[in-house]
Amino acid sequence: MTIYPAILTGDIVKAQSQLKQAKKLDVSGVHLDVIDGFYADNLTLTPADFALLDFGLLKADFHLMVDEPMDYLYEIIDHKTSLPTRAVIGQVEKMSYPLEFVTEVKRYDFLAGLSLDLFTPLDEIEPKVWEKLDVIQLMGVRAGFQGQDFNRQVVQLVKEVVSFRKNQGLNLAIIVDGGVNLTNISLVSQAGADAVAVGSGLWQAKDVMGTFKQLSQA
């Protein structure tokens, strides 16, 4: 299972420090959380801020927890040369036009993803949108803040999406984001998730490298 270190902060110095640590891990990329203060009562760095950082060889997945993610997609595009973007994932709850968002993301050769908050049902995403998705992200906490306790409801949701993906013949990755740590990552893995985004479960560890290695063995 792939592990993406998740960076959620409004402090550019902290973000660069975590990015520096991520470069020392056996990862291909990082998960960058962008929150606008409206989707949730939190405010983080923007894509323009992240463009100032040194990613080295790492790729970046942007998780847009914002009102109308399309606006932030264009900010990513504006800084495309400085942002090694792999995927752009938008929260569906405050997105007016999911199909248009996904289509526009793919137009710029990024992987297109949608994220469902903890209590958002799968049928929030229309069939024609599912067909275009490269990534479906399922939240293990309420979207917007790191450090929350993992809600096991997401484990069952992963199993449902795994079954749905098989039955529909879809080619998309399942990512779980939020609350994942050493005590529960095996549940997520066994349920069939392809990847996890890990924030506080990694950065708050006394031994980041050792914790990452343990997570990787789940």
Protein backbone atom coordinates (compact mmCIF):
# COMPACT_ATOMS: atom_id res chain seq x y z
CA MET A 1 0.00 0.00 0.00
CA THR A 2 1.27 3.45 -0.91
CA ILE A 3 1.81 5.99 1.85
CA TYR A 4 1.69 9.73 1.20
CA PRO A 5 2.95 12.03 3.98
CA ALA A 6 0.26 14.69 4.41
CA ILE A 7 1.17 18.33 4.94
CA LEU A 8 -1.57 20.51 6.44
CA THR A 9 -0.30 23.84 7.73
CA GLY A 10 -0.41 27.57 7.28
CA ASP A 11 3.26 27.86 8.22
CA ILE A 12 5.58 27.78 5.20
CA VAL A 13 8.63 27.03 7.38
CA LYS A 14 6.87 24.01 8.90
CA ALA A 15 5.80 22.85 5.45
CA GLN A 16 9.35 23.03 4.14
CA SER A 17 10.61 21.12 7.20
CA GLN A 18 8.06 18.34 6.67
CA LEU A 19 8.86 18.26 2.97
CA LYS A 20 12.55 17.90 3.82
CA GLN A 21 11.74 14.96 6.09
CA ALA A 22 9.52 13.39 3.41
CA LYS A 23 12.45 13.41 0.98
CA LYS A 24 14.30 11.05 3.34
CA LEU A 25 11.46 8.52 3.27
CA ASP A 26 10.81 5.87 0.65
CA VAL A 27 7.89 7.75 -0.91
CA SER A 28 7.14 8.95 -4.41
CA GLY A 29 5.09 11.93 -3.36
CA VAL A 30 3.33 13.98 -0.71
CA HIS A 31 -0.27 14.92 -0.02
CA LEU A 32 -0.80 18.70 0.24
CA ASP A 33 -3.91 19.93 2.03
CA VAL A 34 -5.36 23.26 0.95
CA ILE A 35 -8.12 24.77 3.12
CA ASP A 36 -9.61 28.19 2.44
CA GLY A 37 -11.16 29.03 5.82
CA PHE A 38 -14.66 28.58 4.40
CA TYR A 39 -14.96 24.85 3.79
CA ALA A 40 -13.62 24.37 7.32
CA ASP A 41 -12.62 26.82 10.04
CA ASN A 42 -8.96 26.43 9.18
CA LEU A 43 -6.58 28.19 6.83
CA THR A 44 -3.54 26.66 5.16
CA LEU A 45 -0.94 27.44 2.56
CA THR A 46 -2.23 27.88 -0.98
CA PRO A 47 -0.84 26.30 -4.15
CA ALA A 48 1.03 29.57 -4.80
CA ASP A 49 2.71 29.21 -1.40
CA PHE A 50 3.65 25.59 -2.06
CA ALA A 51 5.20 26.69 -5.36
CA LEU A 52 7.93 28.42 -3.32
CA LEU A 53 9.09 25.13 -1.77
CA ASP A 54 11.69 22.62 -2.92
CA PHE A 55 10.08 19.28 -3.74
CA GLY A 56 13.19 17.61 -5.09
CA LEU A 57 12.03 14.48 -6.92
CA LEU A 58 8.72 14.22 -5.04
CA LYS A 59 5.36 14.48 -6.76
CA ALA A 60 2.43 16.30 -5.15
CA ASP A 61 -1.23 15.43 -4.71
CA PHE A 62 -3.36 18.47 -3.92
CA HIS A 63 -6.37 17.91 -1.67
CA LEU A 64 -8.64 20.93 -2.10
CA MET A 65 -10.93 21.47 0.90
CA VAL A 66 -12.32 24.72 -0.43
CA ASP A 67 -15.41 26.38 -1.79
CA GLU A 68 -15.36 25.80 -5.55
CA PRO A 69 -12.11 23.84 -6.07
CA MET A 70 -12.00 24.91 -9.72
CA ASP A 71 -10.56 28.28 -8.65
CA TYR A 72 -7.67 26.56 -6.89
CA LEU A 73 -7.13 24.23 -9.80
CA TYR A 74 -6.36 27.28 -11.93
CA GLU A 75 -3.92 28.49 -9.28
CA ILE A 76 -2.14 25.14 -9.54
CA ILE A 77 -2.07 25.50 -13.30
CA ASP A 78 -0.67 29.04 -13.01
CA HIS A 79 2.29 27.61 -11.03
CA LYS A 80 2.57 24.37 -12.97
CA THR A 81 6.30 24.76 -13.64
CA SER A 82 7.04 24.98 -9.89
CA LEU A 83 4.56 22.38 -8.70
CA PRO A 84 5.28 18.70 -9.56
CA THR A 85 1.59 17.88 -9.51
CA ARG A 86 0.48 14.26 -9.84
CA ALA A 87 -3.18 14.55 -8.82
CA VAL A 88 -5.76 17.16 -7.92
CA ILE A 89 -8.48 15.96 -5.54
CA GLY A 90 -11.49 18.14 -4.71
CA GLN A 91 -13.98 17.78 -1.87
CA VAL A 92 -17.39 17.25 -3.42
CA GLU A 93 -19.50 18.86 -0.70
CA LYS A 94 -19.08 22.47 -1.89
CA MET A 95 -18.39 21.80 -5.54
CA SER A 96 -21.04 23.02 -7.97
CA TYR A 97 -19.94 21.04 -11.03
CA PRO A 98 -18.03 17.82 -10.24
CA LEU A 99 -18.03 16.58 -13.84
CA GLU A 100 -16.61 19.83 -15.16
CA PHE A 101 -13.98 19.87 -12.39
CA VAL A 102 -12.80 16.34 -13.13
CA THR A 103 -12.79 16.98 -16.87
CA GLU A 104 -10.73 20.16 -16.44
CA VAL A 105 -8.20 18.46 -14.16
CA LYS A 106 -7.63 15.73 -16.74
CA ARG A 107 -7.28 18.31 -19.51
CA TYR A 108 -4.02 19.40 -17.89
CA ASP A 109 -2.74 15.81 -17.61
CA PHE A 110 -3.20 15.56 -13.85
CA LEU A 111 -4.91 12.61 -12.22
CA ALA A 112 -8.45 13.66 -11.30
CA GLY A 113 -9.87 12.84 -7.90
CA LEU A 114 -12.84 13.52 -5.68
CA SER A 115 -12.92 13.25 -1.92
CA LEU A 116 -15.92 12.30 0.20
CA ASP A 117 -16.17 13.59 3.74
CA LEU A 118 -16.80 11.10 6.51
CA PHE A 119 -20.61 11.14 6.30
CA THR A 120 -21.06 11.96 2.62
CA PRO A 121 -22.75 9.05 0.75
CA LEU A 122 -21.23 7.45 -2.32
CA ASP A 123 -24.24 8.40 -4.45
CA GLU A 124 -23.19 12.03 -4.09
CA ILE A 125 -21.02 11.21 -7.11
CA GLU A 126 -22.99 10.64 -10.32
CA PRO A 127 -22.27 7.56 -12.51
CA LYS A 128 -20.84 9.63 -15.38
CA VAL A 129 -18.39 11.23 -12.93
CA TRP A 130 -17.26 7.88 -11.53
CA GLU A 131 -16.33 6.82 -15.05
CA LYS A 132 -13.84 9.68 -15.36
CA LEU A 133 -12.21 9.44 -11.93
CA ASP A 134 -8.61 8.37 -11.43
CA VAL A 135 -8.77 8.70 -7.64
CA ILE A 136 -11.50 8.40 -5.01
CA GLN A 137 -10.50 9.60 -1.56
CA LEU A 138 -12.43 8.58 1.54
CA MET A 139 -12.04 10.59 4.73
CA GLY A 140 -11.42 8.77 8.00
CA VAL A 141 -12.18 11.99 9.91
CA ARG A 142 -14.19 15.12 9.25
CA ALA A 143 -12.31 17.05 6.58
CA GLY A 144 -10.38 20.13 7.66
CA PHE A 145 -8.07 19.33 10.57
CA GLN A 146 -5.23 16.95 11.42
CA GLY A 147 -5.03 15.14 14.75
CA GLN A 148 -8.59 13.78 14.85
CA ASP A 149 -9.44 10.24 15.90
CA PHE A 150 -9.94 7.71 13.13
CA ASN A 151 -13.56 6.72 12.50
CA ARG A 152 -13.88 3.03 11.60
CA GLN A 153 -16.94 3.77 9.49
CA VAL A 154 -14.55 4.50 6.63
CA VAL A 155 -13.32 0.88 6.66
CA GLN A 156 -16.73 -0.36 5.59
CA LEU A 157 -16.92 2.39 3.01
CA VAL A 158 -13.60 1.25 1.53
CA LYS A 159 -15.00 -2.27 1.18
CA GLU A 160 -18.07 -0.90 -0.59
CA VAL A 161 -15.97 1.11 -3.05
CA VAL A 162 -13.71 -1.89 -3.72
CA SER A 163 -16.78 -3.94 -4.61
CA PHE A 164 -18.29 -1.09 -6.64
CA ARG A 165 -15.03 -0.59 -8.54
CA LYS A 166 -14.91 -4.27 -9.46
CA ASN A 167 -18.56 -4.50 -10.47
CA GLN A 168 -18.37 -1.37 -12.62
CA GLY A 169 -14.99 -2.18 -14.14
CA LEU A 170 -13.52 1.11 -12.94
CA ASN A 171 -9.82 1.89 -12.98
CA LEU A 172 -9.30 4.18 -10.01
CA ALA A 173 -7.20 4.28 -6.88
CA ILE A 174 -8.76 4.34 -3.41
CA ILE A 175 -7.05 6.62 -0.89
CA VAL A 176 -7.97 6.94 2.80
CA ASP A 177 -7.11 10.25 4.41
CA GLY A 178 -7.37 11.25 8.06
CA GLY A 179 -6.65 9.62 11.39
CA VAL A 180 -4.55 6.81 9.95
CA ASN A 181 -1.81 5.59 12.28
CA LEU A 182 -0.04 2.43 13.42
CA THR A 183 -3.08 1.17 15.34
CA ASN A 184 -5.51 1.20 12.41
CA ILE A 185 -3.58 1.16 9.12
CA SER A 186 -3.91 -2.63 8.88
CA LEU A 187 -7.72 -2.27 8.90
CA VAL A 188 -7.52 0.11 5.96
CA SER A 189 -5.09 -2.14 4.10
CA GLN A 190 -7.16 -5.28 4.64
CA ALA A 191 -10.31 -3.47 3.47
CA GLY A 192 -8.64 -2.93 0.10
CA ALA A 193 -7.42 0.68 0.03
CA ASP A 194 -4.58 1.35 -2.39
CA ALA A 195 -3.04 4.23 -0.47
CA VAL A 196 -3.27 6.33 2.68
CA ALA A 197 -2.42 9.94 3.43
CA VAL A 198 -0.84 10.17 6.87
CA GLY A 199 -0.35 13.47 8.69
CA SER A 200 -0.23 13.63 12.48
CA GLY A 201 0.23 9.85 12.67
CA LEU A 202 3.62 10.45 11.09
CA TRP A 203 4.71 13.96 12.05
CA GLN A 204 3.86 13.64 15.75
CA ALA A 205 5.91 10.45 16.10
CA LYS A 206 9.19 10.68 18.02
CA ASP A 207 10.85 8.66 15.26
CA VAL A 208 9.40 9.68 11.89
CA MET A 209 11.59 7.32 9.88
CA GLY A 210 10.88 4.35 12.16
CA THR A 211 7.16 5.06 12.20
CA PHE A 212 7.08 5.29 8.42
CA LYS A 213 8.79 1.92 8.13
CA GLN A 214 6.22 0.36 10.46
CA LEU A 215 3.36 1.93 8.51
CA SER A 216 4.84 0.55 5.29
CA GLN A 217 4.74 -2.99 6.67
CA ALA A 218 0.97 -2.93 7.29
